[in-house]
Amino acid sequence: MLNLKEYHRPKDLTEAVALLQRKQPRTVVLSGGTWLVGEAPRDVEAVVDIADLGLNRILVEGNLVRIGAAVTHQQLVESEQLRTSALRVISETAQAMSGLNIRNRATIGGAIVTADAASPLVTALLACDAEVVIAGAKDKTKQADDPSDFWKVLPLAGFLAYRRQILDEGTLITEVRMPLPSPDTRSHYARVARTPRDYPIVCAVAAFAMKDGIAGHVRIAVGGVAATPIRLSRLEFGLEKKRLADWLDREMEAQMALLDPPGDWLGSAEYRKEMARVLVRRAILAVAGAS
């Protein structure tokens, strides 16, 4: 980072956000640093290290799982809270993100901010109904002195759609949260890559509960077919409270007709669309078979 001039390590969120919201110099968050150091963007002149803000914990409070933005991928892999429920797909996909050395540094907040088309972890978070808690957001409908004006909670899909605008306002992701799945919920991650150890070209996650062949609370996400991973809302709606054996093929065709993935050197648009079809179906049938 050749143009770095300032390093800050604030002790509270208010100070951190104030630093990020300065007009000059160009200031960004430093957490694991795997993207920031690797890319070394030349316009970054100051960093705000969030290591002392207490954002490195995984908590289960009632039916809510709260994951601090500074929790590393390896913490997700090793977390007992995640591995003992349908949320174990988060542990599995965190392991699929990179090798051990990177997992010990990379964070869940960083994975969301820098999410690419086929991020396994972000795909899983979408399928687990994840939300992003943001500090420093401004809601024009509230009074300026309203304490709640400092916070905003967004569905992960909504954040991904507008992340550049949101982050350019000087906001800071503080945690990712999601509902604790019911005991009968199952999940499955499926992928295709050049080799077994490679980053996926296309991936899919399905999560739902089954009773008497009928699916409930259906959540399906796919990566590698758009700029970032996406939820397959049409397919979810089409399978909800229905017998999979009767509806899966019909609803799969309806959903796949809506996909229009870009092609690149890893795979053509046709290849990505066909792999999405195969992997989504595989994930759904794996969950149904395990239920």
C-alpha atoms as a PDB file:
ATOM      1  CA  MET A   1       0.000   0.000   0.000  1.00  0.00           C
ATOM      2  CA  LEU A   2       2.323   2.649  -1.323  1.00  0.00           C
ATOM      3  CA  ASN A   3       0.149   5.673  -0.513  1.00  0.00           C
ATOM      4  CA  LEU A   4      -0.827   4.739   3.063  1.00  0.00           C
ATOM      5  CA  LYS A   5      -0.400   7.737   5.378  1.00  0.00           C
ATOM      6  CA  GLU A   6      -2.518   6.970   8.460  1.00  0.00           C
ATOM      7  CA  TYR A   7      -3.200   3.941  10.659  1.00  0.00           C
ATOM      8  CA  HIS A   8      -5.947   4.097  13.296  1.00  0.00           C
ATOM      9  CA  ARG A   9      -6.979   1.514  15.907  1.00  0.00           C
ATOM     10  CA  PRO A  10     -10.094   2.924  17.607  1.00  0.00           C
ATOM     11  CA  LYS A  11     -11.504   1.578  20.854  1.00  0.00           C
ATOM     12  CA  ASP A  12     -15.197   2.160  20.111  1.00  0.00           C
ATOM     13  CA  LEU A  13     -17.566   2.109  17.150  1.00  0.00           C
ATOM     14  CA  THR A  14     -18.357   5.816  17.257  1.00  0.00           C
ATOM     15  CA  GLU A  15     -14.707   6.709  16.750  1.00  0.00           C
ATOM     16  CA  ALA A  16     -14.321   4.099  14.005  1.00  0.00           C
ATOM     17  CA  VAL A  17     -17.311   5.399  12.051  1.00  0.00           C
ATOM     18  CA  ALA A  18     -16.209   9.012  12.453  1.00  0.00           C
ATOM     19  CA  LEU A  19     -12.875   8.125  10.876  1.00  0.00           C
ATOM     20  CA  LEU A  20     -14.535   6.257   8.006  1.00  0.00           C
ATOM     21  CA  GLN A  21     -16.923   9.123   7.260  1.00  0.00           C
ATOM     22  CA  ARG A  22     -14.199  11.698   6.700  1.00  0.00           C
ATOM     23  CA  LYS A  23     -14.149  13.138   3.208  1.00  0.00           C
ATOM     24  CA  GLN A  24     -10.362  13.065   3.120  1.00  0.00           C
ATOM     25  CA  PRO A  25      -8.120  11.133   3.196  1.00  0.00           C
ATOM     26  CA  ARG A  26      -9.600   8.035   1.538  1.00  0.00           C
ATOM     27  CA  THR A  27     -10.161   5.714   4.531  1.00  0.00           C
ATOM     28  CA  VAL A  28     -11.148   2.036   4.607  1.00  0.00           C
ATOM     29  CA  VAL A  29     -11.575  -0.734   7.146  1.00  0.00           C
ATOM     30  CA  LEU A  30      -8.690  -3.043   8.015  1.00  0.00           C
ATOM     31  CA  SER A  31      -9.687  -6.374   9.548  1.00  0.00           C
ATOM     32  CA  GLY A  32      -8.049  -9.553   8.238  1.00  0.00           C
ATOM     33  CA  GLY A  33      -6.386  -7.543   5.485  1.00  0.00           C
ATOM     34  CA  THR A  34      -6.284 -10.385   2.958  1.00  0.00           C
ATOM     35  CA  TRP A  35      -7.974  -8.369   0.215  1.00  0.00           C
ATOM     36  CA  LEU A  36      -6.634  -4.958   1.186  1.00  0.00           C
ATOM     37  CA  VAL A  37      -2.992  -6.010   1.342  1.00  0.00           C
ATOM     38  CA  GLY A  38      -3.288  -8.281  -1.674  1.00  0.00           C
ATOM     39  CA  GLU A  39      -4.938  -5.706  -3.934  1.00  0.00           C
ATOM     40  CA  ALA A  40      -3.095  -2.698  -2.469  1.00  0.00           C
ATOM     41  CA  PRO A  41      -5.480  -0.083  -3.919  1.00  0.00           C
ATOM     42  CA  ARG A  42      -3.547   3.099  -4.634  1.00  0.00           C
ATOM     43  CA  ASP A  43      -6.332   5.473  -3.601  1.00  0.00           C
ATOM     44  CA  VAL A  44      -6.369   4.230   0.015  1.00  0.00           C
ATOM     45  CA  GLU A  45      -4.485   6.636   2.277  1.00  0.00           C
ATOM     46  CA  ALA A  46      -5.771   5.627   5.726  1.00  0.00           C
ATOM     47  CA  VAL A  47      -6.991   2.447   7.418  1.00  0.00           C
ATOM     48  CA  VAL A  48      -9.163   1.849  10.467  1.00  0.00           C
ATOM     49  CA  ASP A  49      -8.130  -1.351  12.252  1.00  0.00           C
ATOM     50  CA  ILE A  50     -11.212  -2.865  13.962  1.00  0.00           C
ATOM     51  CA  ALA A  51      -9.274  -5.409  16.042  1.00  0.00           C
ATOM     52  CA  ASP A  52     -10.185  -3.714  19.368  1.00  0.00           C
ATOM     53  CA  LEU A  53     -13.936  -3.359  18.736  1.00  0.00           C
ATOM     54  CA  GLY A  54     -14.943  -6.794  20.051  1.00  0.00           C
ATOM     55  CA  LEU A  55     -16.317  -7.981  16.713  1.00  0.00           C
ATOM     56  CA  ASN A  56     -14.645 -11.399  16.791  1.00  0.00           C
ATOM     57  CA  ARG A  57     -17.260 -13.473  18.616  1.00  0.00           C
ATOM     58  CA  ILE A  58     -19.981 -15.950  17.637  1.00  0.00           C
ATOM     59  CA  LEU A  59     -23.011 -15.788  19.927  1.00  0.00           C
ATOM     60  CA  VAL A  60     -26.304 -17.660  20.072  1.00  0.00           C
ATOM     61  CA  GLU A  61     -29.011 -15.585  21.746  1.00  0.00           C
ATOM     62  CA  GLY A  62     -32.383 -17.289  21.826  1.00  0.00           C
ATOM     63  CA  ASN A  63     -33.212 -18.173  18.231  1.00  0.00           C
ATOM     64  CA  LEU A  64     -30.659 -15.775  16.751  1.00  0.00           C
ATOM     65  CA  VAL A  65     -27.064 -16.490  15.737  1.00  0.00           C
ATOM     66  CA  ARG A  66     -24.813 -13.421  15.796  1.00  0.00           C
ATOM     67  CA  ILE A  67     -21.427 -13.510  14.080  1.00  0.00           C
ATOM     68  CA  GLY A  68     -19.110 -10.544  14.554  1.00  0.00           C
ATOM     69  CA  ALA A  69     -17.737  -9.010  11.375  1.00  0.00           C
ATOM     70  CA  ALA A  70     -14.144  -9.773  12.453  1.00  0.00           C
ATOM     71  CA  VAL A  71     -14.775 -13.502  12.987  1.00  0.00           C
ATOM     72  CA  THR A  72     -12.301 -15.370  10.811  1.00  0.00           C
ATOM     73  CA  HIS A  73     -13.154 -18.094   8.345  1.00  0.00           C
ATOM     74  CA  GLN A  74     -11.291 -20.572  10.529  1.00  0.00           C
ATOM     75  CA  GLN A  75     -13.434 -19.616  13.518  1.00  0.00           C
ATOM     76  CA  LEU A  76     -16.465 -20.441  11.385  1.00  0.00           C
ATOM     77  CA  VAL A  77     -14.938 -23.799  10.461  1.00  0.00           C
ATOM     78  CA  GLU A  78     -14.285 -24.689  14.110  1.00  0.00           C
ATOM     79  CA  SER A  79     -17.449 -23.226  15.689  1.00  0.00           C
ATOM     80  CA  GLU A  80     -19.487 -25.764  17.658  1.00  0.00           C
ATOM     81  CA  GLN A  81     -22.513 -23.445  17.512  1.00  0.00           C
ATOM     82  CA  LEU A  82     -22.520 -23.726  13.726  1.00  0.00           C
ATOM     83  CA  ARG A  83     -21.408 -27.312  13.272  1.00  0.00           C
ATOM     84  CA  THR A  84     -24.216 -28.770  15.392  1.00  0.00           C
ATOM     85  CA  SER A  85     -27.121 -27.420  13.295  1.00  0.00           C
ATOM     86  CA  ALA A  86     -28.174 -26.871   9.708  1.00  0.00           C
ATOM     87  CA  LEU A  87     -25.849 -23.878   9.852  1.00  0.00           C
ATOM     88  CA  ARG A  88     -22.928 -26.285   9.510  1.00  0.00           C
ATOM     89  CA  VAL A  89     -23.076 -25.399   5.811  1.00  0.00           C
ATOM     90  CA  ILE A  90     -21.503 -22.082   6.862  1.00  0.00           C
ATOM     91  CA  SER A  91     -18.575 -23.958   8.406  1.00  0.00           C
ATOM     92  CA  GLU A  92     -18.269 -26.117   5.303  1.00  0.00           C
ATOM     93  CA  THR A  93     -18.284 -23.207   2.880  1.00  0.00           C
ATOM     94  CA  ALA A  94     -15.911 -21.152   5.038  1.00  0.00           C
ATOM     95  CA  GLN A  95     -13.424 -24.004   4.660  1.00  0.00           C
ATOM     96  CA  ALA A  96     -13.982 -23.973   0.903  1.00  0.00           C
ATOM     97  CA  MET A  97     -12.991 -20.302   0.649  1.00  0.00           C
ATOM     98  CA  SER A  98      -9.217 -20.772   0.917  1.00  0.00           C
ATOM     99  CA  GLY A  99      -6.323 -22.597   2.551  1.00  0.00           C
ATOM    100  CA  LEU A 100      -5.664 -22.574   6.295  1.00  0.00           C
ATOM    101  CA  ASN A 101      -3.239 -19.645   6.330  1.00  0.00           C
ATOM    102  CA  ILE A 102      -5.740 -17.351   4.621  1.00  0.00           C
ATOM    103  CA  ARG A 103      -8.666 -18.695   6.700  1.00  0.00           C
ATOM    104  CA  ASN A 104      -6.844 -17.656   9.853  1.00  0.00           C
ATOM    105  CA  ARG A 105      -6.853 -14.034   8.631  1.00  0.00           C
ATOM    106  CA  ALA A 106      -9.846 -13.582   6.328  1.00  0.00           C
ATOM    107  CA  THR A 107     -13.083 -12.487   8.025  1.00  0.00           C
ATOM    108  CA  ILE A 108     -16.780 -12.938   7.394  1.00  0.00           C
ATOM    109  CA  GLY A 109     -17.204  -9.176   7.013  1.00  0.00           C
ATOM    110  CA  GLY A 110     -14.461  -9.085   4.426  1.00  0.00           C
ATOM    111  CA  ALA A 111     -16.028 -11.997   2.539  1.00  0.00           C
ATOM    112  CA  ILE A 112     -19.263 -10.028   2.219  1.00  0.00           C
ATOM    113  CA  VAL A 113     -17.647  -6.716   1.267  1.00  0.00           C
ATOM    114  CA  THR A 114     -15.461  -8.333  -1.419  1.00  0.00           C
ATOM    115  CA  ALA A 115     -17.894 -11.083  -2.471  1.00  0.00           C
ATOM    116  CA  ASP A 116     -17.342 -12.291  -6.001  1.00  0.00           C
ATOM    117  CA  ALA A 117     -19.724 -14.216  -8.230  1.00  0.00           C
ATOM    118  CA  ALA A 118     -19.111 -17.678  -6.770  1.00  0.00           C
ATOM    119  CA  SER A 119     -18.257 -17.067  -3.103  1.00  0.00           C
ATOM    120  CA  PRO A 120     -19.191 -20.313  -1.299  1.00  0.00           C
ATOM    121  CA  LEU A 121     -19.551 -18.587   2.071  1.00  0.00           C
ATOM    122  CA  VAL A 122     -21.786 -15.787   0.803  1.00  0.00           C
ATOM    123  CA  THR A 123     -23.895 -18.339  -1.092  1.00  0.00           C
ATOM    124  CA  ALA A 124     -24.422 -20.255   2.164  1.00  0.00           C
ATOM    125  CA  LEU A 125     -25.193 -17.095   4.130  1.00  0.00           C
ATOM    126  CA  LEU A 126     -27.890 -16.171   1.617  1.00  0.00           C
ATOM    127  CA  ALA A 127     -29.482 -19.607   1.985  1.00  0.00           C
ATOM    128  CA  CYS A 128     -29.432 -19.175   5.776  1.00  0.00           C
ATOM    129  CA  ASP A 129     -31.428 -15.917   5.704  1.00  0.00           C
ATOM    130  CA  ALA A 130     -28.459 -13.822   6.807  1.00  0.00           C
ATOM    131  CA  GLU A 131     -28.787 -10.138   7.612  1.00  0.00           C
ATOM    132  CA  VAL A 132     -26.050  -7.534   7.843  1.00  0.00           C
ATOM    133  CA  VAL A 133     -25.903  -5.093  10.770  1.00  0.00           C
ATOM    134  CA  ILE A 134     -24.306  -1.785   9.774  1.00  0.00           C
ATOM    135  CA  ALA A 135     -23.036   1.035  12.006  1.00  0.00           C
ATOM    136  CA  GLY A 136     -22.958   4.600  10.757  1.00  0.00           C
ATOM    137  CA  ALA A 137     -26.045   4.378   8.569  1.00  0.00           C
ATOM    138  CA  LYS A 138     -28.257   7.438   8.284  1.00  0.00           C
ATOM    139  CA  ASP A 139     -32.023   7.147   8.097  1.00  0.00           C
ATOM    140  CA  LYS A 140     -33.546  10.410   6.876  1.00  0.00           C
ATOM    141  CA  THR A 141     -36.931   9.432   8.345  1.00  0.00           C
ATOM    142  CA  LYS A 142     -35.525   9.638  11.902  1.00  0.00           C
ATOM    143  CA  GLN A 143     -34.486  12.514  14.098  1.00  0.00           C
ATOM    144  CA  ALA A 144     -30.791  13.336  14.020  1.00  0.00           C
ATOM    145  CA  ASP A 145     -30.423  12.603  17.745  1.00  0.00           C
ATOM    146  CA  ASP A 146     -32.256   9.254  17.567  1.00  0.00           C
ATOM    147  CA  PRO A 147     -29.736   6.572  18.741  1.00  0.00           C
ATOM    148  CA  SER A 148     -31.274   4.033  16.361  1.00  0.00           C
ATOM    149  CA  ASP A 149     -30.260   6.287  13.468  1.00  0.00           C
ATOM    150  CA  PHE A 150     -26.712   4.946  13.918  1.00  0.00           C
ATOM    151  CA  TRP A 151     -27.741   1.382  13.031  1.00  0.00           C
ATOM    152  CA  LYS A 152     -29.298  -0.320  10.071  1.00  0.00           C
ATOM    153  CA  VAL A 153     -30.135  -3.980   9.466  1.00  0.00           C
ATOM    154  CA  LEU A 154     -30.300  -5.134   5.857  1.00  0.00           C
ATOM    155  CA  PRO A 155     -30.997  -8.516   4.273  1.00  0.00           C
ATOM    156  CA  LEU A 156     -27.723  -9.784   2.872  1.00  0.00           C
ATOM    157  CA  ALA A 157     -29.141  -9.800  -0.661  1.00  0.00           C
ATOM    158  CA  GLY A 158     -30.062  -6.123  -0.313  1.00  0.00           C
ATOM    159  CA  PHE A 159     -26.622  -5.215   0.977  1.00  0.00           C
ATOM    160  CA  LEU A 160     -24.905  -7.022  -1.899  1.00  0.00           C
ATOM    161  CA  ALA A 161     -27.036  -5.153  -4.430  1.00  0.00           C
ATOM    162  CA  TYR A 162     -26.007  -1.737  -3.053  1.00  0.00           C
ATOM    163  CA  ARG A 163     -22.809  -2.449  -1.148  1.00  0.00           C
ATOM    164  CA  ARG A 164     -20.656   0.135  -2.922  1.00  0.00           C
ATOM    165  CA  GLN A 165     -23.123   2.947  -2.219  1.00  0.00           C
ATOM    166  CA  ILE A 166     -23.556   1.793   1.391  1.00  0.00           C
ATOM    167  CA  LEU A 167     -19.839   1.522   2.095  1.00  0.00           C
ATOM    168  CA  ASP A 168     -19.084   4.836   0.397  1.00  0.00           C
ATOM    169  CA  GLU A 169     -21.210   6.488   3.107  1.00  0.00           C
ATOM    170  CA  GLY A 170     -18.560   5.519   5.663  1.00  0.00           C
ATOM    171  CA  THR A 171     -20.503   2.672   7.229  1.00  0.00           C
ATOM    172  CA  LEU A 172     -19.056  -0.336   9.027  1.00  0.00           C
ATOM    173  CA  ILE A 173     -20.402  -3.891   9.100  1.00  0.00           C
ATOM    174  CA  THR A 174     -20.496  -4.940  12.753  1.00  0.00           C
ATOM    175  CA  GLU A 175     -22.118  -8.358  12.566  1.00  0.00           C
ATOM    176  CA  VAL A 176     -23.917 -10.912  10.456  1.00  0.00           C
ATOM    177  CA  ARG A 177     -26.960 -12.489  12.017  1.00  0.00           C
ATOM    178  CA  MET A 178     -29.428 -15.186  11.075  1.00  0.00           C
ATOM    179  CA  PRO A 179     -32.203 -17.248  12.655  1.00  0.00           C
ATOM    180  CA  LEU A 180     -31.253 -20.524  14.277  1.00  0.00           C
ATOM    181  CA  PRO A 181     -32.816 -23.214  12.061  1.00  0.00           C
ATOM    182  CA  SER A 182     -35.394 -25.635  13.421  1.00  0.00           C
ATOM    183  CA  PRO A 183     -34.001 -29.049  14.440  1.00  0.00           C
ATOM    184  CA  ASP A 184     -35.514 -30.730  11.369  1.00  0.00           C
ATOM    185  CA  THR A 185     -33.893 -28.330   8.879  1.00  0.00           C
ATOM    186  CA  ARG A 186     -31.144 -29.804   6.707  1.00  0.00           C
ATOM    187  CA  SER A 187     -28.711 -28.120   4.318  1.00  0.00           C
ATOM    188  CA  HIS A 188     -26.339 -29.136   1.535  1.00  0.00           C
ATOM    189  CA  TYR A 189     -23.534 -27.462  -0.439  1.00  0.00           C
ATOM    190  CA  ALA A 190     -22.735 -28.549  -3.998  1.00  0.00           C
ATOM    191  CA  ARG A 191     -20.040 -27.209  -6.310  1.00  0.00           C
ATOM    192  CA  VAL A 192     -18.135 -27.664  -9.545  1.00  0.00           C
ATOM    193  CA  ALA A 193     -14.517 -26.553 -10.015  1.00  0.00           C
ATOM    194  CA  ARG A 194     -11.505 -27.313 -12.175  1.00  0.00           C
ATOM    195  CA  THR A 195     -10.042 -29.559  -9.458  1.00  0.00           C
ATOM    196  CA  PRO A 196     -11.334 -30.811  -6.088  1.00  0.00           C
ATOM    197  CA  ARG A 197      -9.326 -28.122  -4.268  1.00  0.00           C
ATOM    198  CA  ASP A 198     -10.097 -25.213  -6.560  1.00  0.00           C
ATOM    199  CA  TYR A 199     -12.428 -22.314  -5.879  1.00  0.00           C
ATOM    200  CA  PRO A 200     -15.846 -23.126  -7.404  1.00  0.00           C
ATOM    201  CA  ILE A 201     -16.949 -22.035 -10.836  1.00  0.00           C
ATOM    202  CA  VAL A 202     -20.595 -22.557  -9.844  1.00  0.00           C
ATOM    203  CA  CYS A 203     -21.950 -23.558  -6.438  1.00  0.00           C
ATOM    204  CA  ALA A 204     -25.331 -24.023  -4.787  1.00  0.00           C
ATOM    205  CA  VAL A 205     -26.753 -24.309  -1.276  1.00  0.00           C
ATOM    206  CA  ALA A 206     -30.179 -25.646  -0.361  1.00  0.00           C
ATOM    207  CA  ALA A 207     -31.706 -25.581   3.120  1.00  0.00           C
ATOM    208  CA  PHE A 208     -35.193 -26.675   4.153  1.00  0.00           C
ATOM    209  CA  ALA A 209     -37.200 -29.081   6.296  1.00  0.00           C
ATOM    210  CA  MET A 210     -39.116 -32.092   4.992  1.00  0.00           C
ATOM    211  CA  LYS A 211     -42.192 -33.812   6.387  1.00  0.00           C
ATOM    212  CA  ASP A 212     -44.029 -36.548   4.527  1.00  0.00           C
ATOM    213  CA  GLY A 213     -42.302 -35.549   1.309  1.00  0.00           C
ATOM    214  CA  ILE A 214     -43.366 -31.902   1.609  1.00  0.00           C
ATOM    215  CA  ALA A 215     -40.748 -29.141   1.799  1.00  0.00           C
ATOM    216  CA  GLY A 216     -41.018 -26.242   4.215  1.00  0.00           C
ATOM    217  CA  HIS A 217     -39.067 -23.015   4.770  1.00  0.00           C
ATOM    218  CA  VAL A 218     -37.244 -23.556   1.476  1.00  0.00           C
ATOM    219  CA  ARG A 219     -34.083 -21.507   0.969  1.00  0.00           C
ATOM    220  CA  ILE A 220     -31.894 -21.947  -2.124  1.00  0.00           C
ATOM    221  CA  ALA A 221     -28.928 -19.870  -3.291  1.00  0.00           C
ATOM    222  CA  VAL A 222     -26.537 -20.212  -6.187  1.00  0.00           C
ATOM    223  CA  GLY A 223     -23.160 -18.677  -6.954  1.00  0.00           C
ATOM    224  CA  GLY A 224     -21.410 -18.225 -10.281  1.00  0.00           C
ATOM    225  CA  VAL A 225     -24.378 -17.056 -12.369  1.00  0.00           C
ATOM    226  CA  ALA A 226     -24.437 -13.325 -11.542  1.00  0.00           C
ATOM    227  CA  ALA A 227     -22.132 -10.612 -10.223  1.00  0.00           C
ATOM    228  CA  THR A 228     -22.583 -12.011  -6.708  1.00  0.00           C
ATOM    229  CA  PRO A 229     -24.371 -15.101  -5.362  1.00  0.00           C
ATOM    230  CA  ILE A 230     -28.172 -14.863  -5.532  1.00  0.00           C
ATOM    231  CA  ARG A 231     -31.253 -16.385  -3.936  1.00  0.00           C
ATOM    232  CA  LEU A 232     -33.514 -18.398  -6.233  1.00  0.00           C
ATOM    233  CA  SER A 233     -36.733 -16.856  -4.973  1.00  0.00           C
ATOM    234  CA  ARG A 234     -38.889 -18.209  -7.809  1.00  0.00           C
ATOM    235  CA  LEU A 235     -37.836 -21.764  -7.051  1.00  0.00           C
ATOM    236  CA  GLU A 236     -38.232 -21.298  -3.305  1.00  0.00           C
ATOM    237  CA  PHE A 237     -41.791 -20.058  -3.736  1.00  0.00           C
ATOM    238  CA  GLY A 238     -42.576 -22.827  -6.205  1.00  0.00           C
ATOM    239  CA  LEU A 239     -41.497 -25.592  -3.814  1.00  0.00           C
ATOM    240  CA  GLU A 240     -42.766 -24.186  -0.525  1.00  0.00           C
ATOM    241  CA  LYS A 241     -45.328 -26.479   1.155  1.00  0.00           C
ATOM    242  CA  LYS A 242     -45.381 -28.770  -1.867  1.00  0.00           C
ATOM    243  CA  ARG A 243     -44.415 -32.367  -2.499  1.00  0.00           C
ATOM    244  CA  LEU A 244     -40.961 -32.320  -4.083  1.00  0.00           C
ATOM    245  CA  ALA A 245     -41.557 -35.453  -6.146  1.00  0.00           C
ATOM    246  CA  ASP A 246     -44.444 -33.723  -7.932  1.00  0.00           C
ATOM    247  CA  TRP A 247     -43.113 -30.196  -8.330  1.00  0.00           C
ATOM    248  CA  LEU A 248     -39.313 -30.200  -8.481  1.00  0.00           C
ATOM    249  CA  ASP A 249     -38.819 -30.653 -12.239  1.00  0.00           C
ATOM    250  CA  ARG A 250     -41.510 -28.139 -13.176  1.00  0.00           C
ATOM    251  CA  GLU A 251     -40.286 -25.452 -10.809  1.00  0.00           C
ATOM    252  CA  MET A 252     -36.646 -26.037 -11.707  1.00  0.00           C
ATOM    253  CA  GLU A 253     -37.408 -25.340 -15.357  1.00  0.00           C
ATOM    254  CA  ALA A 254     -39.283 -22.146 -14.497  1.00  0.00           C
ATOM    255  CA  GLN A 255     -36.400 -20.861 -12.355  1.00  0.00           C
ATOM    256  CA  MET A 256     -33.621 -21.787 -14.765  1.00  0.00           C
ATOM    257  CA  ALA A 257     -35.386 -19.922 -17.562  1.00  0.00           C
ATOM    258  CA  LEU A 258     -34.837 -16.721 -15.551  1.00  0.00           C
ATOM    259  CA  LEU A 259     -31.063 -17.136 -15.221  1.00  0.00           C
ATOM    260  CA  ASP A 260     -28.827 -15.278 -17.651  1.00  0.00           C
ATOM    261  CA  PRO A 261     -25.251 -15.815 -16.430  1.00  0.00           C
ATOM    262  CA  PRO A 262     -22.261 -14.131 -18.029  1.00  0.00           C
ATOM    263  CA  GLY A 263     -19.564 -16.241 -19.639  1.00  0.00           C
ATOM    264  CA  ASP A 264     -15.820 -16.006 -19.052  1.00  0.00           C
ATOM    265  CA  TRP A 265     -12.640 -18.055 -19.370  1.00  0.00           C
ATOM    266  CA  LEU A 266     -13.806 -20.434 -16.633  1.00  0.00           C
ATOM    267  CA  GLY A 267     -17.080 -21.290 -18.322  1.00  0.00           C
ATOM    268  CA  SER A 268     -19.491 -20.096 -20.955  1.00  0.00           C
ATOM    269  CA  ALA A 269     -22.921 -18.762 -20.093  1.00  0.00           C
ATOM    270  CA  GLU A 270     -24.457 -22.044 -21.264  1.00  0.00           C
ATOM    271  CA  TYR A 271     -22.073 -24.061 -19.095  1.00  0.00           C
ATOM    272  CA  ARG A 272     -22.790 -21.990 -16.000  1.00  0.00           C
ATOM    273  CA  LYS A 273     -26.537 -22.236 -16.498  1.00  0.00           C
ATOM    274  CA  GLU A 274     -26.404 -25.999 -16.952  1.00  0.00           C
ATOM    275  CA  MET A 275     -24.139 -26.432 -13.923  1.00  0.00           C
ATOM    276  CA  ALA A 276     -26.521 -24.301 -11.858  1.00  0.00           C
ATOM    277  CA  ARG A 277     -29.346 -26.635 -12.866  1.00  0.00           C
ATOM    278  CA  VAL A 278     -27.329 -29.738 -11.956  1.00  0.00           C
ATOM    279  CA  LEU A 279     -25.998 -28.404  -8.653  1.00  0.00           C
ATOM    280  CA  VAL A 280     -29.258 -26.908  -7.411  1.00  0.00           C
ATOM    281  CA  ARG A 281     -31.055 -30.162  -8.138  1.00  0.00           C
ATOM    282  CA  ARG A 282     -28.274 -32.132  -6.459  1.00  0.00           C
ATOM    283  CA  ALA A 283     -28.419 -29.970  -3.347  1.00  0.00           C
ATOM    284  CA  ILE A 284     -32.204 -30.190  -3.103  1.00  0.00           C
ATOM    285  CA  LEU A 285     -32.228 -33.984  -3.485  1.00  0.00           C
ATOM    286  CA  ALA A 286     -29.412 -34.338  -0.951  1.00  0.00           C
ATOM    287  CA  VAL A 287     -31.424 -32.363   1.636  1.00  0.00           C
ATOM    288  CA  ALA A 288     -34.574 -34.345   0.835  1.00  0.00           C
ATOM    289  CA  GLY A 289     -32.685 -37.629   1.207  1.00  0.00           C
ATOM    290  CA  ALA A 290     -31.208 -36.608   4.553  1.00  0.00           C
ATOM    291  CA  SER A 291     -34.539 -35.489   6.017  1.00  0.00           C
END
